[in-house]
C-alpha atoms as a PDB file:
ATOM      1  CA  MET A   1     -76.812  32.048 -11.103  1.00  0.00           C
ATOM      2  CA  ALA A   2     -73.680  34.018 -10.385  1.00  0.00           C
ATOM      3  CA  ASN A   3     -73.407  31.283  -7.219  1.00  0.00           C
ATOM      4  CA  SER A   4     -73.975  28.239  -9.659  1.00  0.00           C
ATOM      5  CA  SER A   5     -71.237  29.850 -12.240  1.00  0.00           C
ATOM      6  CA  TYR A   6     -68.830  30.145  -9.677  1.00  0.00           C
ATOM      7  CA  ARG A   7     -69.261  26.762  -8.578  1.00  0.00           C
ATOM      8  CA  ALA A   8     -68.883  25.004 -11.794  1.00  0.00           C
ATOM      9  CA  TRP A   9     -65.963  26.980 -11.896  1.00  0.00           C
ATOM     10  CA  CYS A  10     -64.440  26.104  -8.971  1.00  0.00           C
ATOM     11  CA  ARG A  11     -65.110  22.576 -10.248  1.00  0.00           C
ATOM     12  CA  SER A  12     -63.506  22.779 -13.248  1.00  0.00           C
ATOM     13  CA  ILE A  13     -60.494  24.178 -11.973  1.00  0.00           C
ATOM     14  CA  LEU A  14     -60.645  20.965  -8.952  1.00  0.00           C
ATOM     15  CA  GLY A  15     -60.575  18.564 -11.849  1.00  0.00           C
ATOM     16  CA  LEU A  16     -57.579  20.417 -13.988  1.00  0.00           C
ATOM     17  CA  LEU A  17     -55.363  20.019 -10.564  1.00  0.00           C
ATOM     18  CA  ALA A  18     -55.945  16.183  -9.987  1.00  0.00           C
ATOM     19  CA  VAL A  19     -55.451  15.421 -13.897  1.00  0.00           C
ATOM     20  CA  ALA A  20     -51.916  17.553 -13.081  1.00  0.00           C
ATOM     21  CA  LEU A  21     -51.668  15.031  -9.787  1.00  0.00           C
ATOM     22  CA  VAL A  22     -52.024  12.031 -11.231  1.00  0.00           C
ATOM     23  CA  SER A  23     -50.192  12.563 -14.298  1.00  0.00           C
ATOM     24  CA  GLY A  24     -47.059  13.483 -11.873  1.00  0.00           C
ATOM     25  CA  CYS A  25     -46.734  16.943 -12.522  1.00  0.00           C
ATOM     26  CA  GLY A  26     -46.907  17.136  -8.546  1.00  0.00           C
ATOM     27  CA  SER A  27     -44.672  14.532  -7.447  1.00  0.00           C
ATOM     28  CA  PRO A  28     -41.611  14.954  -5.726  1.00  0.00           C
ATOM     29  CA  SER A  29     -38.348  15.192  -8.059  1.00  0.00           C
ATOM     30  CA  ARG A  30     -35.948  12.497  -8.285  1.00  0.00           C
ATOM     31  CA  SER A  31     -32.264  12.161  -6.840  1.00  0.00           C
ATOM     32  CA  PRO A  32     -29.940  12.179  -9.653  1.00  0.00           C
ATOM     33  CA  ALA A  33     -27.993   8.887 -10.234  1.00  0.00           C
ATOM     34  CA  PRO A  34     -25.004   8.843  -8.196  1.00  0.00           C
ATOM     35  CA  ALA A  35     -22.387   9.743 -10.551  1.00  0.00           C
ATOM     36  CA  PRO A  36     -19.205   7.416 -11.540  1.00  0.00           C
ATOM     37  CA  ALA A  37     -16.441   7.377  -9.117  1.00  0.00           C
ATOM     38  CA  SER A  38     -13.886   9.907 -10.412  1.00  0.00           C
ATOM     39  CA  GLU A  39     -10.283   9.199 -11.147  1.00  0.00           C
ATOM     40  CA  ALA A  40      -9.478  11.915  -8.288  1.00  0.00           C
ATOM     41  CA  SER A  41     -11.345   9.748  -5.795  1.00  0.00           C
ATOM     42  CA  GLN A  42      -8.928   6.840  -6.672  1.00  0.00           C
ATOM     43  CA  PRO A  43      -5.728   6.374  -4.152  1.00  0.00           C
ATOM     44  CA  PRO A  44      -2.743   7.435  -6.011  1.00  0.00           C
ATOM     45  CA  ILE A  45       0.440   5.730  -6.256  1.00  0.00           C
ATOM     46  CA  LYS A  46       1.442   5.104  -2.703  1.00  0.00           C
ATOM     47  CA  TYR A  47       5.729   4.991  -2.662  1.00  0.00           C
ATOM     48  CA  ILE A  48       7.470   7.937  -3.894  1.00  0.00           C
ATOM     49  CA  PRO A  49      11.410   7.467  -3.362  1.00  0.00           C
ATOM     50  CA  ALA A  50      12.014  11.434  -2.296  1.00  0.00           C
ATOM     51  CA  GLU A  51       9.187  10.706   0.436  1.00  0.00           C
ATOM     52  CA  LEU A  52      10.719   7.835   2.335  1.00  0.00           C
ATOM     53  CA  PRO A  53      12.513   8.419   5.323  1.00  0.00           C
ATOM     54  CA  SER A  54      15.921   8.843   5.698  1.00  0.00           C
ATOM     55  CA  CYS A  55      17.839   5.270   7.229  1.00  0.00           C
ATOM     56  CA  ALA A  56      18.356   7.127  10.703  1.00  0.00           C
ATOM     57  CA  ALA A  57      14.840   7.986  10.892  1.00  0.00           C
ATOM     58  CA  ILE A  58      13.973   4.514  10.476  1.00  0.00           C
ATOM     59  CA  LYS A  59      16.223   3.701  13.073  1.00  0.00           C
ATOM     60  CA  GLU A  60      14.907   5.893  15.591  1.00  0.00           C
ATOM     61  CA  ALA A  61      11.480   4.049  15.007  1.00  0.00           C
ATOM     62  CA  VAL A  62      12.299   0.459  15.430  1.00  0.00           C
ATOM     63  CA  SER A  63      13.507  -0.784  18.343  1.00  0.00           C
ATOM     64  CA  GLY A  64      16.564  -2.912  18.813  1.00  0.00           C
ATOM     65  CA  LEU A  65      17.960  -1.590  15.424  1.00  0.00           C
ATOM     66  CA  PRO A  66      22.312  -1.801  15.525  1.00  0.00           C
ATOM     67  CA  PRO A  67      23.372   1.873  14.796  1.00  0.00           C
ATOM     68  CA  VAL A  68      23.315   3.007  10.962  1.00  0.00           C
ATOM     69  CA  GLU A  69      26.466   1.290   9.355  1.00  0.00           C
ATOM     70  CA  LYS A  70      25.728   2.253   5.616  1.00  0.00           C
ATOM     71  CA  SER A  71      22.759   3.925   3.647  1.00  0.00           C
ATOM     72  CA  THR A  72      21.603   5.643   0.237  1.00  0.00           C
ATOM     73  CA  ASP A  73      18.585   7.641   0.943  1.00  0.00           C
ATOM     74  CA  ALA A  74      19.658  10.510  -1.448  1.00  0.00           C
ATOM     75  CA  GLY A  75      15.946  10.737  -1.988  1.00  0.00           C
ATOM     76  CA  ILE A  76      15.868  10.826  -6.183  1.00  0.00           C
ATOM     77  CA  THR A  77      16.734   7.028  -6.712  1.00  0.00           C
ATOM     78  CA  PRO A  78      14.108   4.436  -6.935  1.00  0.00           C
ATOM     79  CA  THR A  79      16.351   2.424  -4.891  1.00  0.00           C
ATOM     80  CA  ARG A  80      17.053   2.674  -1.254  1.00  0.00           C
ATOM     81  CA  THR A  81      19.018   0.394   0.964  1.00  0.00           C
ATOM     82  CA  CYS A  82      19.756   0.753   5.106  1.00  0.00           C
ATOM     83  CA  THR A  83      22.250  -1.477   6.729  1.00  0.00           C
ATOM     84  CA  TYR A  84      22.406  -1.534  10.618  1.00  0.00           C
ATOM     85  CA  ARG A  85      25.187  -3.214  12.342  1.00  0.00           C
ATOM     86  CA  ASN A  86      27.151  -2.435  15.519  1.00  0.00           C
ATOM     87  CA  SER A  87      30.835  -2.679  13.571  1.00  0.00           C
ATOM     88  CA  THR A  88      32.414  -3.981  10.654  1.00  0.00           C
ATOM     89  CA  ASP A  89      31.724  -7.918   9.894  1.00  0.00           C
ATOM     90  CA  GLU A  90      29.785  -8.289  13.609  1.00  0.00           C
ATOM     91  CA  ALA A  91      26.261  -9.887  13.735  1.00  0.00           C
ATOM     92  CA  PRO A  92      23.586  -8.794  14.494  1.00  0.00           C
ATOM     93  CA  TYR A  93      22.963  -7.163  10.734  1.00  0.00           C
ATOM     94  CA  VAL A  94      19.816  -5.838   9.392  1.00  0.00           C
ATOM     95  CA  SER A  95      19.266  -4.434   5.615  1.00  0.00           C
ATOM     96  CA  LEU A  96      16.286  -3.230   4.327  1.00  0.00           C
ATOM     97  CA  LYS A  97      16.149  -2.641   0.513  1.00  0.00           C
ATOM     98  CA  MET A  98      13.303  -0.349  -1.169  1.00  0.00           C
ATOM     99  CA  ASP A  99      13.186  -0.799  -4.910  1.00  0.00           C
ATOM    100  CA  ILE A 100      10.394   1.533  -5.750  1.00  0.00           C
ATOM    101  CA  MET A 101       8.598   2.212  -9.243  1.00  0.00           C
ATOM    102  CA  GLY A 102       6.964   5.845  -9.318  1.00  0.00           C
ATOM    103  CA  GLU A 103       8.504   8.980  -8.992  1.00  0.00           C
ATOM    104  CA  ASP A 104       4.767  11.015  -7.834  1.00  0.00           C
ATOM    105  CA  ARG A 105       1.409  10.122  -6.687  1.00  0.00           C
ATOM    106  CA  ASN A 106      -0.367  10.404 -10.248  1.00  0.00           C
ATOM    107  CA  VAL A 107      -3.333   8.739  -9.883  1.00  0.00           C
ATOM    108  CA  ASP A 108      -3.391   7.980 -13.327  1.00  0.00           C
ATOM    109  CA  THR A 109      -0.554   5.402 -13.504  1.00  0.00           C
ATOM    110  CA  ARG A 110      -1.272   3.899 -10.181  1.00  0.00           C
ATOM    111  CA  GLU A 111      -3.126   0.724 -12.192  1.00  0.00           C
ATOM    112  CA  ILE A 112      -0.186   0.292 -14.580  1.00  0.00           C
ATOM    113  CA  THR A 113       2.487   0.503 -12.537  1.00  0.00           C
ATOM    114  CA  ASN A 114       1.055  -1.824  -9.598  1.00  0.00           C
ATOM    115  CA  THR A 115       0.876  -4.201 -12.452  1.00  0.00           C
ATOM    116  CA  PHE A 116       4.133  -3.702 -13.977  1.00  0.00           C
ATOM    117  CA  VAL A 117       5.880  -4.152 -10.160  1.00  0.00           C
ATOM    118  CA  LYS A 118       3.816  -6.938  -9.263  1.00  0.00           C
ATOM    119  CA  GLY A 119       5.091  -8.523 -12.452  1.00  0.00           C
ATOM    120  CA  ARG A 120       8.418  -7.775 -11.640  1.00  0.00           C
ATOM    121  CA  PHE A 121       8.346  -9.424  -8.155  1.00  0.00           C
ATOM    122  CA  ALA A 122       6.762 -12.209  -9.812  1.00  0.00           C
ATOM    123  CA  ALA A 123      10.127 -12.576 -12.712  1.00  0.00           C
ATOM    124  CA  LEU A 124      12.574 -12.222  -9.554  1.00  0.00           C
ATOM    125  CA  GLU A 125      11.556 -15.447  -7.821  1.00  0.00           C
ATOM    126  CA  LEU A 126      13.825 -18.428  -7.598  1.00  0.00           C
ATOM    127  CA  PRO A 127      13.797 -22.426  -7.883  1.00  0.00           C
ATOM    128  CA  GLY A 128      14.465 -22.308  -4.234  1.00  0.00           C
ATOM    129  CA  ASP A 129      12.396 -19.709  -2.764  1.00  0.00           C
ATOM    130  CA  GLU A 130       9.763 -20.468  -0.270  1.00  0.00           C
ATOM    131  CA  ARG A 131       6.364 -18.412  -0.379  1.00  0.00           C
ATOM    132  CA  ILE A 132       4.604 -17.639   2.578  1.00  0.00           C
ATOM    133  CA  THR A 133       1.180 -16.235   3.289  1.00  0.00           C
ATOM    134  CA  ASP A 134       1.481 -15.027   6.970  1.00  0.00           C
ATOM    135  CA  LEU A 135       3.235 -12.131   6.869  1.00  0.00           C
ATOM    136  CA  GLY A 136       0.738  -9.708   7.665  1.00  0.00           C
ATOM    137  CA  VAL A 137       2.240  -6.642   5.367  1.00  0.00           C
ATOM    138  CA  GLY A 138       2.306  -6.426   1.947  1.00  0.00           C
ATOM    139  CA  THR A 139       0.175  -8.269  -0.936  1.00  0.00           C
ATOM    140  CA  GLU A 140       2.856 -11.095  -1.567  1.00  0.00           C
ATOM    141  CA  ALA A 141       6.050 -12.425   0.152  1.00  0.00           C
ATOM    142  CA  ARG A 142       8.470 -15.019   0.250  1.00  0.00           C
ATOM    143  CA  TRP A 143      12.043 -16.403   1.969  1.00  0.00           C
ATOM    144  CA  SER A 144      14.766 -16.201  -0.602  1.00  0.00           C
ATOM    145  CA  ASP A 145      16.435 -19.158  -1.282  1.00  0.00           C
ATOM    146  CA  PRO A 146      18.262 -20.276   2.170  1.00  0.00           C
ATOM    147  CA  GLU A 147      21.104 -21.705   0.066  1.00  0.00           C
ATOM    148  CA  ARG A 148      21.724 -18.242  -1.124  1.00  0.00           C
ATOM    149  CA  ASN A 149      23.032 -17.388   2.104  1.00  0.00           C
ATOM    150  CA  LYS A 150      23.340 -19.893   4.985  1.00  0.00           C
ATOM    151  CA  THR A 151      23.629 -17.380   7.817  1.00  0.00           C
ATOM    152  CA  SER A 152      21.093 -14.964   6.919  1.00  0.00           C
ATOM    153  CA  CYS A 153      17.607 -15.123   6.175  1.00  0.00           C
ATOM    154  CA  ILE A 154      16.318 -12.915   3.617  1.00  0.00           C
ATOM    155  CA  LEU A 155      12.357 -11.614   3.529  1.00  0.00           C
ATOM    156  CA  GLU A 156      11.145 -10.237   0.318  1.00  0.00           C
ATOM    157  CA  PHE A 157       7.935  -8.952   0.254  1.00  0.00           C
ATOM    158  CA  LEU A 158       5.425  -7.009  -2.794  1.00  0.00           C
ATOM    159  CA  ASP A 159       3.603  -3.831  -1.432  1.00  0.00           C
ATOM    160  CA  GLU A 160       2.030  -1.970  -4.330  1.00  0.00           C
ATOM    161  CA  ASN A 161       4.715   0.115  -6.325  1.00  0.00           C
ATOM    162  CA  ALA A 162       7.293  -1.079  -3.871  1.00  0.00           C
ATOM    163  CA  ILE A 163       9.561  -4.265  -3.476  1.00  0.00           C
ATOM    164  CA  LEU A 164      10.584  -4.911  -0.605  1.00  0.00           C
ATOM    165  CA  SER A 165      13.692  -6.635   1.124  1.00  0.00           C
ATOM    166  CA  VAL A 166      14.686  -7.485   4.441  1.00  0.00           C
ATOM    167  CA  GLN A 167      18.119  -9.487   5.351  1.00  0.00           C
ATOM    168  CA  TYR A 168      18.862 -10.273   9.054  1.00  0.00           C
ATOM    169  CA  THR A 169      21.987 -12.054  10.653  1.00  0.00           C
ATOM    170  CA  THR A 170      21.410 -12.980  14.119  1.00  0.00           C
ATOM    171  CA  GLN A 171      23.988 -12.094  16.790  1.00  0.00           C
ATOM    172  CA  ASN A 172      24.936 -15.952  16.715  1.00  0.00           C
ATOM    173  CA  GLU A 173      24.773 -16.281  13.051  1.00  0.00           C
ATOM    174  CA  ASP A 174      21.914 -19.061  13.015  1.00  0.00           C
ATOM    175  CA  PRO A 175      21.310 -20.990  10.113  1.00  0.00           C
ATOM    176  CA  SER A 176      18.793 -19.346   7.776  1.00  0.00           C
ATOM    177  CA  ARG A 177      16.444 -21.775   8.448  1.00  0.00           C
ATOM    178  CA  SER A 178      16.214 -21.635  11.646  1.00  0.00           C
ATOM    179  CA  GLU A 179      13.373 -20.333  13.759  1.00  0.00           C
ATOM    180  CA  GLN A 180      15.426 -18.126  15.672  1.00  0.00           C
ATOM    181  CA  CYS A 181      16.501 -16.154  12.197  1.00  0.00           C
ATOM    182  CA  ARG A 182      13.135 -16.377  10.424  1.00  0.00           C
ATOM    183  CA  THR A 183      11.261 -15.294  13.833  1.00  0.00           C
ATOM    184  CA  GLY A 184      13.939 -12.182  14.029  1.00  0.00           C
ATOM    185  CA  ALA A 185      13.565 -11.546  10.571  1.00  0.00           C
ATOM    186  CA  THR A 186       9.505 -11.522  10.366  1.00  0.00           C
ATOM    187  CA  ASP A 187       9.697  -9.475  13.581  1.00  0.00           C
ATOM    188  CA  LEU A 188      11.981  -6.650  12.045  1.00  0.00           C
ATOM    189  CA  ALA A 189      10.063  -6.723   8.465  1.00  0.00           C
ATOM    190  CA  ARG A 190       6.737  -5.777  10.155  1.00  0.00           C
ATOM    191  CA  GLN A 191       8.689  -3.185  11.725  1.00  0.00           C
ATOM    192  CA  LEU A 192      10.291  -1.547   9.366  1.00  0.00           C
ATOM    193  CA  TYR A 193       7.141  -1.972   7.306  1.00  0.00           C
ATOM    194  CA  ALA A 194       5.430   0.319   9.657  1.00  0.00           C
ATOM    195  CA  ALA A 195       8.182   3.050   9.831  1.00  0.00           C
ATOM    196  CA  ILE A 196       7.979   3.163   6.246  1.00  0.00           C
ATOM    197  CA  GLN A 197       4.676   3.846   5.406  1.00  0.00           C
ATOM    198  CA  PRO A 198       3.402   7.117   3.830  1.00  0.00           C
ATOM    199  CA  ARG A 199       2.297   9.920   6.258  1.00  0.00           C
END
């Protein structure tokens, strides 16, 4: 009798366990859904004036640049200009202008700042400018109207919160539309771009 009662009790317990397993009580816990990306995971504003390299440091990073002729690299102004030339009024001549919006790496203002700078870049375009798509740096680029300066080619390009401009005059002062001028300016633009990237 005792054995019979014991077996009945075991069957009852096993039955309850089976019901619990079928109802999901014994199933593995599910992984929580991934949380939405937080603002902290978004990239910050790219360029900060105070963190840009000096004109002298840029020269060290770019091969073939003439000596620094003039610089405005105080580090706190939104516009930075570096000019390079062997002596006054002597070619070749290189000028790099960096016009930057944004004073710190605030993630919250990155999108609105970049959108503002993009609109500004578009607003500065003139009817004689020539858009280009194969520069390889920045998001938009164009040749400045060649009629503005017939012996220098000026390459302007947009990169997030910065508008960058490279002006180049060849040793022989080739015309602004010439292959010699534009090839030299393109090569310099790529090297100058690499030299100012945030570290």
